[in-house]
PDB file of N, CA and C in Angstrom:
ATOM      1  N   MET A   1      22.461 -10.333  14.394  1.00  0.00           N
ATOM      2  CA  MET A   1      21.468  -9.691  15.230  1.00  0.00           C
ATOM      3  C   MET A   1      20.281  -9.200  14.412  1.00  0.00           C
ATOM      4  N   ILE A   2      20.570  -8.562  13.266  1.00  0.00           N
ATOM      5  CA  ILE A   2      19.483  -8.069  12.421  1.00  0.00           C
ATOM      6  C   ILE A   2      18.627  -9.225  11.944  1.00  0.00           C
ATOM      7  N   GLU A   3      19.267 -10.339  11.585  1.00  0.00           N
ATOM      8  CA  GLU A   3      18.503 -11.510  11.134  1.00  0.00           C
ATOM      9  C   GLU A   3      17.587 -12.018  12.241  1.00  0.00           C
ATOM     10  N   ASN A   4      18.057 -12.011  13.487  1.00  0.00           N
ATOM     11  CA  ASN A   4      17.215 -12.436  14.612  1.00  0.00           C
ATOM     12  C   ASN A   4      16.009 -11.521  14.772  1.00  0.00           C
ATOM     13  N   LEU A   5      16.225 -10.208  14.637  1.00  0.00           N
ATOM     14  CA  LEU A   5      15.116  -9.258  14.730  1.00  0.00           C
ATOM     15  C   LEU A   5      14.128  -9.470  13.593  1.00  0.00           C
ATOM     16  N   GLN A   6      14.659  -9.726  12.391  1.00  0.00           N
ATOM     17  CA  GLN A   6      13.781  -9.979  11.251  1.00  0.00           C
ATOM     18  C   GLN A   6      12.963 -11.244  11.478  1.00  0.00           C
ATOM     19  N   ASN A   7      13.589 -12.284  12.020  1.00  0.00           N
ATOM     20  CA  ASN A   7      12.867 -13.525  12.279  1.00  0.00           C
ATOM     21  C   ASN A   7      11.843 -13.354  13.392  1.00  0.00           C
ATOM     22  N   GLN A   8      12.140 -12.499  14.376  1.00  0.00           N
ATOM     23  CA  GLN A   8      11.152 -12.198  15.413  1.00  0.00           C
ATOM     24  C   GLN A   8       9.939 -11.528  14.784  1.00  0.00           C
ATOM     25  N   GLU A   9      10.190 -10.530  13.948  1.00  0.00           N
ATOM     26  CA  GLU A   9       9.100  -9.837  13.256  1.00  0.00           C
ATOM     27  C   GLU A   9       8.348 -10.805  12.342  1.00  0.00           C
ATOM     28  N   LEU A  10       9.081 -11.673  11.654  1.00  0.00           N
ATOM     29  CA  LEU A  10       8.464 -12.668  10.782  1.00  0.00           C
ATOM     30  C   LEU A  10       7.507 -13.554  11.578  1.00  0.00           C
ATOM     31  N   ALA A  11       7.950 -14.039  12.729  1.00  0.00           N
ATOM     32  CA  ALA A  11       7.109 -14.889  13.571  1.00  0.00           C
ATOM     33  C   ALA A  11       5.847 -14.138  13.997  1.00  0.00           C
ATOM     34  N   ILE A  12       5.999 -12.879  14.365  1.00  0.00           N
ATOM     35  CA  ILE A  12       4.845 -12.070  14.779  1.00  0.00           C
ATOM     36  C   ILE A  12       3.885 -11.880  13.616  1.00  0.00           C
ATOM     37  N   LEU A  13       4.401 -11.487  12.460  1.00  0.00           N
ATOM     38  CA  LEU A  13       3.553 -11.210  11.304  1.00  0.00           C
ATOM     39  C   LEU A  13       2.816 -12.454  10.813  1.00  0.00           C
ATOM     40  N   VAL A  14       3.531 -13.566  10.702  1.00  0.00           N
ATOM     41  CA  VAL A  14       2.901 -14.813  10.252  1.00  0.00           C
ATOM     42  C   VAL A  14       1.876 -15.273  11.287  1.00  0.00           C
ATOM     43  N   GLY A  15       2.247 -15.182  12.550  1.00  0.00           N
ATOM     44  CA  GLY A  15       1.322 -15.576  13.621  1.00  0.00           C
ATOM     45  C   GLY A  15       0.047 -14.765  13.595  1.00  0.00           C
ATOM     46  N   GLN A  16       0.164 -13.468  13.406  1.00  0.00           N
ATOM     47  CA  GLN A  16      -1.014 -12.607  13.347  1.00  0.00           C
ATOM     48  C   GLN A  16      -1.869 -12.908  12.123  1.00  0.00           C
ATOM     49  N   ALA A  17      -1.242 -13.032  10.967  1.00  0.00           N
ATOM     50  CA  ALA A  17      -1.981 -13.231   9.721  1.00  0.00           C
ATOM     51  C   ALA A  17      -2.743 -14.551   9.701  1.00  0.00           C
ATOM     52  N   PHE A  18      -2.137 -15.593  10.273  1.00  0.00           N
ATOM     53  CA  PHE A  18      -2.732 -16.923  10.194  1.00  0.00           C
ATOM     54  C   PHE A  18      -3.288 -17.412  11.535  1.00  0.00           C
ATOM     55  N   GLU A  19      -3.324 -16.503  12.518  1.00  0.00           N
ATOM     56  CA  GLU A  19      -3.849 -16.841  13.842  1.00  0.00           C
ATOM     57  C   GLU A  19      -3.152 -18.069  14.415  1.00  0.00           C
ATOM     58  N   LEU A  20      -1.827 -18.043  14.363  1.00  0.00           N
ATOM     59  CA  LEU A  20      -0.998 -19.130  14.875  1.00  0.00           C
ATOM     60  C   LEU A  20      -0.182 -18.630  16.060  1.00  0.00           C
ATOM     61  N   ASP A  21       0.074 -19.525  16.993  1.00  0.00           N
ATOM     62  CA  ASP A  21       0.939 -19.211  18.120  1.00  0.00           C
ATOM     63  C   ASP A  21       2.350 -19.677  17.759  1.00  0.00           C
ATOM     64  N   ILE A  22       3.148 -18.764  17.256  1.00  0.00           N
ATOM     65  CA  ILE A  22       4.503 -19.106  16.822  1.00  0.00           C
ATOM     66  C   ILE A  22       5.479 -18.587  17.864  1.00  0.00           C
ATOM     67  N   THR A  23       6.153 -19.514  18.512  1.00  0.00           N
ATOM     68  CA  THR A  23       7.122 -19.131  19.536  1.00  0.00           C
ATOM     69  C   THR A  23       8.547 -19.218  19.021  1.00  0.00           C
ATOM     70  N   SER A  24       8.751 -19.903  17.926  1.00  0.00           N
ATOM     71  CA  SER A  24      10.090 -20.082  17.371  1.00  0.00           C
ATOM     72  C   SER A  24      10.475 -18.892  16.510  1.00  0.00           C
ATOM     73  N   GLU A  25      11.744 -18.549  16.544  1.00  0.00           N
ATOM     74  CA  GLU A  25      12.265 -17.516  15.662  1.00  0.00           C
ATOM     75  C   GLU A  25      13.137 -18.134  14.577  1.00  0.00           C
ATOM     76  N   ASN A  26      13.054 -19.454  14.464  1.00  0.00           N
ATOM     77  CA  ASN A  26      13.797 -20.184  13.446  1.00  0.00           C
ATOM     78  C   ASN A  26      12.965 -20.188  12.175  1.00  0.00           C
ATOM     79  N   GLN A  27      13.523 -19.645  11.096  1.00  0.00           N
ATOM     80  CA  GLN A  27      12.767 -19.507   9.857  1.00  0.00           C
ATOM     81  C   GLN A  27      12.280 -20.852   9.310  1.00  0.00           C
ATOM     82  N   ALA A  28      13.074 -21.906   9.450  1.00  0.00           N
ATOM     83  CA  ALA A  28      12.662 -23.233   8.979  1.00  0.00           C
ATOM     84  C   ALA A  28      11.457 -23.735   9.777  1.00  0.00           C
ATOM     85  N   LYS A  29      11.442 -23.497  11.073  1.00  0.00           N
ATOM     86  CA  LYS A  29      10.326 -23.920  11.921  1.00  0.00           C
ATOM     87  C   LYS A  29       9.069 -23.109  11.603  1.00  0.00           C
ATOM     88  N   ILE A  30       9.253 -21.823  11.364  1.00  0.00           N
ATOM     89  CA  ILE A  30       8.117 -20.971  10.982  1.00  0.00           C
ATOM     90  C   ILE A  30       7.518 -21.492   9.679  1.00  0.00           C
ATOM     91  N   LYS A  31       8.385 -21.827   8.725  1.00  0.00           N
ATOM     92  CA  LYS A  31       7.890 -22.342   7.445  1.00  0.00           C
ATOM     93  C   LYS A  31       7.156 -23.665   7.648  1.00  0.00           C
ATOM     94  N   GLU A  32       7.682 -24.521   8.489  1.00  0.00           N
ATOM     95  CA  GLU A  32       7.037 -25.810   8.758  1.00  0.00           C
ATOM     96  C   GLU A  32       5.628 -25.611   9.323  1.00  0.00           C
ATOM     97  N   LEU A  33       5.475 -24.717  10.281  1.00  0.00           N
ATOM     98  CA  LEU A  33       4.154 -24.429  10.853  1.00  0.00           C
ATOM     99  C   LEU A  33       3.231 -23.809   9.805  1.00  0.00           C
ATOM    100  N   LEU A  34       3.794 -22.930   8.999  1.00  0.00           N
ATOM    101  CA  LEU A  34       3.011 -22.268   7.961  1.00  0.00           C
ATOM    102  C   LEU A  34       2.540 -23.263   6.911  1.00  0.00           C
ATOM    103  N   VAL A  35       3.396 -24.172   6.484  1.00  0.00           N
ATOM    104  CA  VAL A  35       3.012 -25.185   5.492  1.00  0.00           C
ATOM    105  C   VAL A  35       1.851 -26.023   6.023  1.00  0.00           C
ATOM    106  N   SER A  36       1.916 -26.428   7.265  1.00  0.00           N
ATOM    107  CA  SER A  36       0.822 -27.217   7.864  1.00  0.00           C
ATOM    108  C   SER A  36      -0.489 -26.442   7.840  1.00  0.00           C
ATOM    109  N   GLU A  37      -0.417 -25.163   8.192  1.00  0.00           N
ATOM    110  CA  GLU A  37      -1.623 -24.337   8.186  1.00  0.00           C
ATOM    111  C   GLU A  37      -2.128 -24.118   6.767  1.00  0.00           C
ATOM    112  N   LEU A  38      -1.228 -23.935   5.819  1.00  0.00           N
ATOM    113  CA  LEU A  38      -1.640 -23.749   4.429  1.00  0.00           C
ATOM    114  C   LEU A  38      -2.345 -24.985   3.884  1.00  0.00           C
ATOM    115  N   ILE A  39      -1.843 -26.149   4.198  1.00  0.00           N
ATOM    116  CA  ILE A  39      -2.489 -27.389   3.761  1.00  0.00           C
ATOM    117  C   ILE A  39      -3.899 -27.453   4.327  1.00  0.00           C
ATOM    118  N   ARG A  40      -4.032 -27.128   5.615  1.00  0.00           N
ATOM    119  CA  ARG A  40      -5.352 -27.139   6.246  1.00  0.00           C
ATOM    120  C   ARG A  40      -6.301 -26.160   5.553  1.00  0.00           C
ATOM    121  N   LEU A  41      -5.809 -24.960   5.268  1.00  0.00           N
ATOM    122  CA  LEU A  41      -6.652 -23.957   4.621  1.00  0.00           C
ATOM    123  C   LEU A  41      -6.993 -24.335   3.183  1.00  0.00           C
ATOM    124  N   ILE A  42      -6.041 -24.862   2.452  1.00  0.00           N
ATOM    125  CA  ILE A  42      -6.301 -25.271   1.065  1.00  0.00           C
ATOM    126  C   ILE A  42      -7.402 -26.330   1.029  1.00  0.00           C
ATOM    127  N   LEU A  43      -7.342 -27.271   1.952  1.00  0.00           N
ATOM    128  CA  LEU A  43      -8.319 -28.364   1.976  1.00  0.00           C
ATOM    129  C   LEU A  43      -9.663 -27.971   2.568  1.00  0.00           C
ATOM    130  N   ASN A  44      -9.661 -27.090   3.572  1.00  0.00           N
ATOM    131  CA  ASN A  44     -10.891 -26.830   4.323  1.00  0.00           C
ATOM    132  C   ASN A  44     -11.470 -25.433   4.172  1.00  0.00           C
ATOM    133  N   SER A  45     -10.649 -24.448   3.889  1.00  0.00           N
ATOM    134  CA  SER A  45     -11.131 -23.059   3.842  1.00  0.00           C
ATOM    135  C   SER A  45     -10.392 -22.249   2.779  1.00  0.00           C
ATOM    136  N   PRO A  46     -10.520 -22.632   1.518  1.00  0.00           N
ATOM    137  CA  PRO A  46      -9.774 -21.899   0.486  1.00  0.00           C
ATOM    138  C   PRO A  46     -10.146 -20.420   0.413  1.00  0.00           C
ATOM    139  N   GLU A  47     -11.405 -20.078   0.708  1.00  0.00           N
ATOM    140  CA  GLU A  47     -11.807 -18.667   0.671  1.00  0.00           C
ATOM    141  C   GLU A  47     -11.052 -17.875   1.732  1.00  0.00           C
ATOM    142  N   LYS A  48     -10.920 -18.454   2.917  1.00  0.00           N
ATOM    143  CA  LYS A  48     -10.183 -17.795   3.987  1.00  0.00           C
ATOM    144  C   LYS A  48      -8.721 -17.605   3.586  1.00  0.00           C
ATOM    145  N   LEU A  49      -8.149 -18.616   2.951  1.00  0.00           N
ATOM    146  CA  LEU A  49      -6.771 -18.519   2.493  1.00  0.00           C
ATOM    147  C   LEU A  49      -6.607 -17.365   1.514  1.00  0.00           C
ATOM    148  N   TRP A  50      -7.497 -17.257   0.532  1.00  0.00           N
ATOM    149  CA  TRP A  50      -7.402 -16.174  -0.457  1.00  0.00           C
ATOM    150  C   TRP A  50      -7.544 -14.812   0.223  1.00  0.00           C
ATOM    151  N   ASN A  51      -8.414 -14.718   1.223  1.00  0.00           N
ATOM    152  CA  ASN A  51      -8.567 -13.454   1.950  1.00  0.00           C
ATOM    153  C   ASN A  51      -7.285 -13.077   2.679  1.00  0.00           C
ATOM    154  N   ILE A  52      -6.650 -14.061   3.304  1.00  0.00           N
ATOM    155  CA  ILE A  52      -5.403 -13.801   4.018  1.00  0.00           C
ATOM    156  C   ILE A  52      -4.324 -13.365   3.033  1.00  0.00           C
ATOM    157  N   LEU A  53      -4.211 -14.076   1.917  1.00  0.00           N
ATOM    158  CA  LEU A  53      -3.193 -13.737   0.916  1.00  0.00           C
ATOM    159  C   LEU A  53      -3.403 -12.325   0.385  1.00  0.00           C
ATOM    160  N   TYR A  54      -4.656 -11.959   0.181  1.00  0.00           N
ATOM    161  CA  TYR A  54      -4.966 -10.605  -0.283  1.00  0.00           C
ATOM    162  C   TYR A  54      -4.579  -9.579   0.785  1.00  0.00           C
ATOM    163  N   ARG A  55      -4.935  -9.865   2.030  1.00  0.00           N
ATOM    164  CA  ARG A  55      -4.679  -8.935   3.131  1.00  0.00           C
ATOM    165  C   ARG A  55      -3.174  -8.716   3.354  1.00  0.00           C
ATOM    166  N   ILE A  56      -2.388  -9.776   3.229  1.00  0.00           N
ATOM    167  CA  ILE A  56      -0.945  -9.615   3.457  1.00  0.00           C
ATOM    168  C   ILE A  56      -0.208  -9.210   2.183  1.00  0.00           C
ATOM    169  N   ASP A  57      -0.948  -9.113   1.096  1.00  0.00           N
ATOM    170  CA  ASP A  57      -0.437  -8.558  -0.153  1.00  0.00           C
ATOM    171  C   ASP A  57       0.643  -9.423  -0.809  1.00  0.00           C
ATOM    172  N   VAL A  58       0.372 -10.728  -0.864  1.00  0.00           N
ATOM    173  CA  VAL A  58       1.259 -11.620  -1.621  1.00  0.00           C
ATOM    174  C   VAL A  58       0.958 -11.406  -3.102  1.00  0.00           C
ATOM    175  N   ASN A  59       1.970 -11.418  -3.923  1.00  0.00           N
ATOM    176  CA  ASN A  59       1.824 -11.167  -5.352  1.00  0.00           C
ATOM    177  C   ASN A  59       0.796 -12.131  -5.962  1.00  0.00           C
ATOM    178  N   GLU A  60      -0.325 -11.580  -6.402  1.00  0.00           N
ATOM    179  CA  GLU A  60      -1.437 -12.382  -6.915  1.00  0.00           C
ATOM    180  C   GLU A  60      -1.050 -13.166  -8.172  1.00  0.00           C
ATOM    181  N   THR A  61      -0.257 -12.570  -9.038  1.00  0.00           N
ATOM    182  CA  THR A  61       0.167 -13.247 -10.259  1.00  0.00           C
ATOM    183  C   THR A  61       0.986 -14.490  -9.922  1.00  0.00           C
ATOM    184  N   LYS A  62       1.900 -14.360  -8.961  1.00  0.00           N
ATOM    185  CA  LYS A  62       2.713 -15.503  -8.549  1.00  0.00           C
ATOM    186  C   LYS A  62       1.862 -16.597  -7.912  1.00  0.00           C
ATOM    187  N   VAL A  63       0.886 -16.200  -7.105  1.00  0.00           N
ATOM    188  CA  VAL A  63       0.020 -17.190  -6.445  1.00  0.00           C
ATOM    189  C   VAL A  63      -0.807 -17.937  -7.476  1.00  0.00           C
ATOM    190  N   LYS A  64      -1.391 -17.225  -8.425  1.00  0.00           N
ATOM    191  CA  LYS A  64      -2.198 -17.873  -9.462  1.00  0.00           C
ATOM    192  C   LYS A  64      -1.336 -18.805 -10.309  1.00  0.00           C
ATOM    193  N   TYR A  65      -0.138 -18.376 -10.639  1.00  0.00           N
ATOM    194  CA  TYR A  65       0.774 -19.228 -11.406  1.00  0.00           C
ATOM    195  C   TYR A  65       1.086 -20.494 -10.611  1.00  0.00           C
ATOM    196  N   LEU A  66       1.349 -20.327  -9.346  1.00  0.00           N
ATOM    197  CA  LEU A  66       1.663 -21.456  -8.472  1.00  0.00           C
ATOM    198  C   LEU A  66       0.526 -22.472  -8.461  1.00  0.00           C
ATOM    199  N   PHE A  67      -0.701 -21.991  -8.290  1.00  0.00           N
ATOM    200  CA  PHE A  67      -1.846 -22.901  -8.231  1.00  0.00           C
ATOM    201  C   PHE A  67      -2.120 -23.573  -9.574  1.00  0.00           C
ATOM    202  N   SER A  68      -1.788 -22.927 -10.665  1.00  0.00           N
ATOM    203  CA  SER A  68      -2.079 -23.527 -11.959  1.00  0.00           C
ATOM    204  C   SER A  68      -0.935 -24.365 -12.528  1.00  0.00           C
ATOM    205  N   ASN A  69       0.290 -24.197 -12.001  1.00  0.00           N
ATOM    206  CA  ASN A  69       1.432 -24.882 -12.598  1.00  0.00           C
ATOM    207  C   ASN A  69       2.221 -25.785 -11.659  1.00  0.00           C
ATOM    208  N   SER A  70       1.844 -25.848 -10.395  1.00  0.00           N
ATOM    209  CA  SER A  70       2.592 -26.671  -9.447  1.00  0.00           C
ATOM    210  C   SER A  70       1.828 -27.949  -9.129  1.00  0.00           C
ATOM    211  N   ALA A  71       2.584 -28.976  -8.812  1.00  0.00           N
ATOM    212  CA  ALA A  71       1.974 -30.231  -8.372  1.00  0.00           C
ATOM    213  C   ALA A  71       1.275 -29.976  -7.038  1.00  0.00           C
ATOM    214  N   PRO A  72       0.154 -30.626  -6.780  1.00  0.00           N
ATOM    215  CA  PRO A  72      -0.600 -30.377  -5.545  1.00  0.00           C
ATOM    216  C   PRO A  72       0.244 -30.453  -4.270  1.00  0.00           C
ATOM    217  N   MET A  73       1.189 -31.377  -4.217  1.00  0.00           N
ATOM    218  CA  MET A  73       2.003 -31.524  -3.008  1.00  0.00           C
ATOM    219  C   MET A  73       3.030 -30.397  -2.857  1.00  0.00           C
ATOM    220  N   GLN A  74       3.273 -29.635  -3.913  1.00  0.00           N
ATOM    221  CA  GLN A  74       4.252 -28.552  -3.861  1.00  0.00           C
ATOM    222  C   GLN A  74       3.630 -27.192  -3.614  1.00  0.00           C
ATOM    223  N   ILE A  75       2.320 -27.093  -3.710  1.00  0.00           N
ATOM    224  CA  ILE A  75       1.678 -25.785  -3.569  1.00  0.00           C
ATOM    225  C   ILE A  75       1.945 -25.175  -2.199  1.00  0.00           C
ATOM    226  N   ALA A  76       1.699 -25.916  -1.131  1.00  0.00           N
ATOM    227  CA  ALA A  76       1.849 -25.346   0.219  1.00  0.00           C
ATOM    228  C   ALA A  76       3.284 -24.891   0.507  1.00  0.00           C
ATOM    229  N   PRO A  77       4.309 -25.712   0.246  1.00  0.00           N
ATOM    230  CA  PRO A  77       5.670 -25.231   0.521  1.00  0.00           C
ATOM    231  C   PRO A  77       6.082 -24.025  -0.338  1.00  0.00           C
ATOM    232  N   GLU A  78       5.673 -24.029  -1.598  1.00  0.00           N
ATOM    233  CA  GLU A  78       6.028 -22.911  -2.465  1.00  0.00           C
ATOM    234  C   GLU A  78       5.249 -21.654  -2.081  1.00  0.00           C
ATOM    235  N   LEU A  79       3.997 -21.839  -1.685  1.00  0.00           N
ATOM    236  CA  LEU A  79       3.199 -20.713  -1.221  1.00  0.00           C
ATOM    237  C   LEU A  79       3.783 -20.157   0.082  1.00  0.00           C
ATOM    238  N   ALA A  80       4.246 -21.031   0.947  1.00  0.00           N
ATOM    239  CA  ALA A  80       4.894 -20.589   2.193  1.00  0.00           C
ATOM    240  C   ALA A  80       6.112 -19.734   1.876  1.00  0.00           C
ATOM    241  N   ASP A  81       6.884 -20.119   0.864  1.00  0.00           N
ATOM    242  CA  ASP A  81       8.046 -19.319   0.464  1.00  0.00           C
ATOM    243  C   ASP A  81       7.630 -17.918   0.017  1.00  0.00           C
ATOM    244  N   LEU A  82       6.544 -17.827  -0.762  1.00  0.00           N
ATOM    245  CA  LEU A  82       6.056 -16.515  -1.205  1.00  0.00           C
ATOM    246  C   LEU A  82       5.603 -15.672  -0.017  1.00  0.00           C
ATOM    247  N   ILE A  83       4.910 -16.298   0.915  1.00  0.00           N
ATOM    248  CA  ILE A  83       4.423 -15.582   2.095  1.00  0.00           C
ATOM    249  C   ILE A  83       5.596 -15.100   2.951  1.00  0.00           C
ATOM    250  N   ILE A  84       6.549 -15.975   3.178  1.00  0.00           N
ATOM    251  CA  ILE A  84       7.716 -15.606   3.989  1.00  0.00           C
ATOM    252  C   ILE A  84       8.501 -14.487   3.308  1.00  0.00           C
ATOM    253  N   GLU A  85       8.639 -14.581   2.000  1.00  0.00           N
ATOM    254  CA  GLU A  85       9.326 -13.525   1.256  1.00  0.00           C
ATOM    255  C   GLU A  85       8.635 -12.177   1.486  1.00  0.00           C
ATOM    256  N   ARG A  86       7.316 -12.168   1.385  1.00  0.00           N
ATOM    257  CA  ARG A  86       6.557 -10.922   1.575  1.00  0.00           C
ATOM    258  C   ARG A  86       6.632 -10.438   3.019  1.00  0.00           C
ATOM    259  N   MET A  87       6.517 -11.357   3.958  1.00  0.00           N
ATOM    260  CA  MET A  87       6.555 -10.978   5.368  1.00  0.00           C
ATOM    261  C   MET A  87       7.944 -10.468   5.766  1.00  0.00           C
ATOM    262  N   LEU A  88       8.989 -11.014   5.183  1.00  0.00           N
ATOM    263  CA  LEU A  88      10.335 -10.508   5.465  1.00  0.00           C
ATOM    264  C   LEU A  88      10.506  -9.086   4.923  1.00  0.00           C
ATOM    265  N   GLN A  89       9.887  -8.807   3.776  1.00  0.00           N
ATOM    266  CA  GLN A  89       9.922  -7.443   3.257  1.00  0.00           C
ATOM    267  C   GLN A  89       9.264  -6.492   4.259  1.00  0.00           C
ATOM    268  N   LYS A  90       8.112  -6.896   4.791  1.00  0.00           N
ATOM    269  CA  LYS A  90       7.416  -6.074   5.780  1.00  0.00           C
ATOM    270  C   LYS A  90       8.241  -5.943   7.058  1.00  0.00           C
ATOM    271  N   ALA A  91       8.848  -7.048   7.491  1.00  0.00           N
ATOM    272  CA  ALA A  91       9.646  -7.031   8.718  1.00  0.00           C
ATOM    273  C   ALA A  91      10.824  -6.071   8.574  1.00  0.00           C
ATOM    274  N   LYS A  92      11.518  -6.131   7.439  1.00  0.00           N
ATOM    275  CA  LYS A  92      12.658  -5.237   7.210  1.00  0.00           C
ATOM    276  C   LYS A  92      12.202  -3.785   7.213  1.00  0.00           C
ATOM    277  N   SER A  93      11.080  -3.525   6.593  1.00  0.00           N
ATOM    278  CA  SER A  93      10.550  -2.170   6.544  1.00  0.00           C
ATOM    279  C   SER A  93      10.192  -1.674   7.947  1.00  0.00           C
ATOM    280  N   ARG A  94       9.532  -2.506   8.717  1.00  0.00           N
ATOM    281  CA  ARG A  94       9.154  -2.125  10.083  1.00  0.00           C
ATOM    282  C   ARG A  94      10.379  -1.856  10.939  1.00  0.00           C
ATOM    283  N   LEU A  95      11.374  -2.721  10.818  1.00  0.00           N
ATOM    284  CA  LEU A  95      12.579  -2.548  11.618  1.00  0.00           C
ATOM    285  C   LEU A  95      13.329  -1.277  11.214  1.00  0.00           C
ATOM    286  N   ALA A  96      13.369  -0.984   9.925  1.00  0.00           N
ATOM    287  CA  ALA A  96      14.040   0.233   9.464  1.00  0.00           C
ATOM    288  C   ALA A  96      13.308   1.463   9.988  1.00  0.00           C
ATOM    289  N   TYR A  97      11.993   1.440   9.930  1.00  0.00           N
ATOM    290  CA  TYR A  97      11.217   2.579  10.410  1.00  0.00           C
ATOM    291  C   TYR A  97      11.338   2.700  11.925  1.00  0.00           C
ATOM    292  N   LYS A  98      11.332   1.567  12.598  1.00  0.00           N
ATOM    293  CA  LYS A  98      11.442   1.565  14.058  1.00  0.00           C
ATOM    294  C   LYS A  98      12.780   2.160  14.496  1.00  0.00           C
ATOM    295  N   LYS A  99      13.824   1.861  13.746  1.00  0.00           N
ATOM    296  CA  LYS A  99      15.154   2.382  14.047  1.00  0.00           C
ATOM    297  C   LYS A  99      15.167   3.913  13.941  1.00  0.00           C
ATOM    298  N   ASP A 100      14.446   4.428  12.936  1.00  0.00           N
ATOM    299  CA  ASP A 100      14.390   5.878  12.723  1.00  0.00           C
ATOM    300  C   ASP A 100      13.413   6.568  13.663  1.00  0.00           C
ATOM    301  N   ASN A 101      12.448   5.827  14.183  1.00  0.00           N
ATOM    302  CA  ASN A 101      11.408   6.380  15.027  1.00  0.00           C
ATOM    303  C   ASN A 101      11.219   5.483  16.246  1.00  0.00           C
ATOM    304  N   PRO A 102      11.876   5.776  17.356  1.00  0.00           N
ATOM    305  CA  PRO A 102      11.816   4.899  18.523  1.00  0.00           C
ATOM    306  C   PRO A 102      10.414   4.746  19.114  1.00  0.00           C
ATOM    307  N   ASN A 103       9.488   5.641  18.781  1.00  0.00           N
ATOM    308  CA  ASN A 103       8.122   5.534  19.293  1.00  0.00           C
ATOM    309  C   ASN A 103       7.232   4.644  18.436  1.00  0.00           C
ATOM    310  N   PHE A 104       7.758   4.170  17.311  1.00  0.00           N
ATOM    311  CA  PHE A 104       6.988   3.324  16.399  1.00  0.00           C
ATOM    312  C   PHE A 104       6.702   1.964  17.026  1.00  0.00           C
ATOM    313  N   ASP A 105       5.444   1.564  16.992  1.00  0.00           N
ATOM    314  CA  ASP A 105       5.037   0.260  17.524  1.00  0.00           C
ATOM    315  C   ASP A 105       4.648  -0.619  16.327  1.00  0.00           C
ATOM    316  N   PRO A 106       5.485  -1.601  15.949  1.00  0.00           N
ATOM    317  CA  PRO A 106       5.226  -2.402  14.752  1.00  0.00           C
ATOM    318  C   PRO A 106       4.025  -3.321  14.880  1.00  0.00           C
ATOM    319  N   ILE A 107       3.547  -3.549  16.092  1.00  0.00           N
ATOM    320  CA  ILE A 107       2.414  -4.453  16.289  1.00  0.00           C
ATOM    321  C   ILE A 107       1.106  -3.755  15.965  1.00  0.00           C
ATOM    322  N   SER A 108       1.018  -2.485  16.177  1.00  0.00           N
ATOM    323  CA  SER A 108      -0.255  -1.791  15.972  1.00  0.00           C
ATOM    324  C   SER A 108      -0.498  -1.439  14.529  1.00  0.00           C
TER     325      SER A 108
END
């Protein structure tokens, strides 16, 4: 049950950050949609991608290492893993706070 709630929060957070309509709560499907969007951003709007990564607070050192040491075809999937890792941290935190504070609205 907790994993389902985390995946729901993950879908919401990723959808908001990347302006995607994510209806699936399946982590593999979320990653698949995210990888597609990352490829699009890398090719067409790298500045927008960097702004999003900064806003969602993905570890900058890891991202820079990824871009300088990964094969081009591996950047998007590995970057998606970093994003999902960070978003799951946020989701767990929101759910823990929500449990302690029933008036907490994680969307706002």
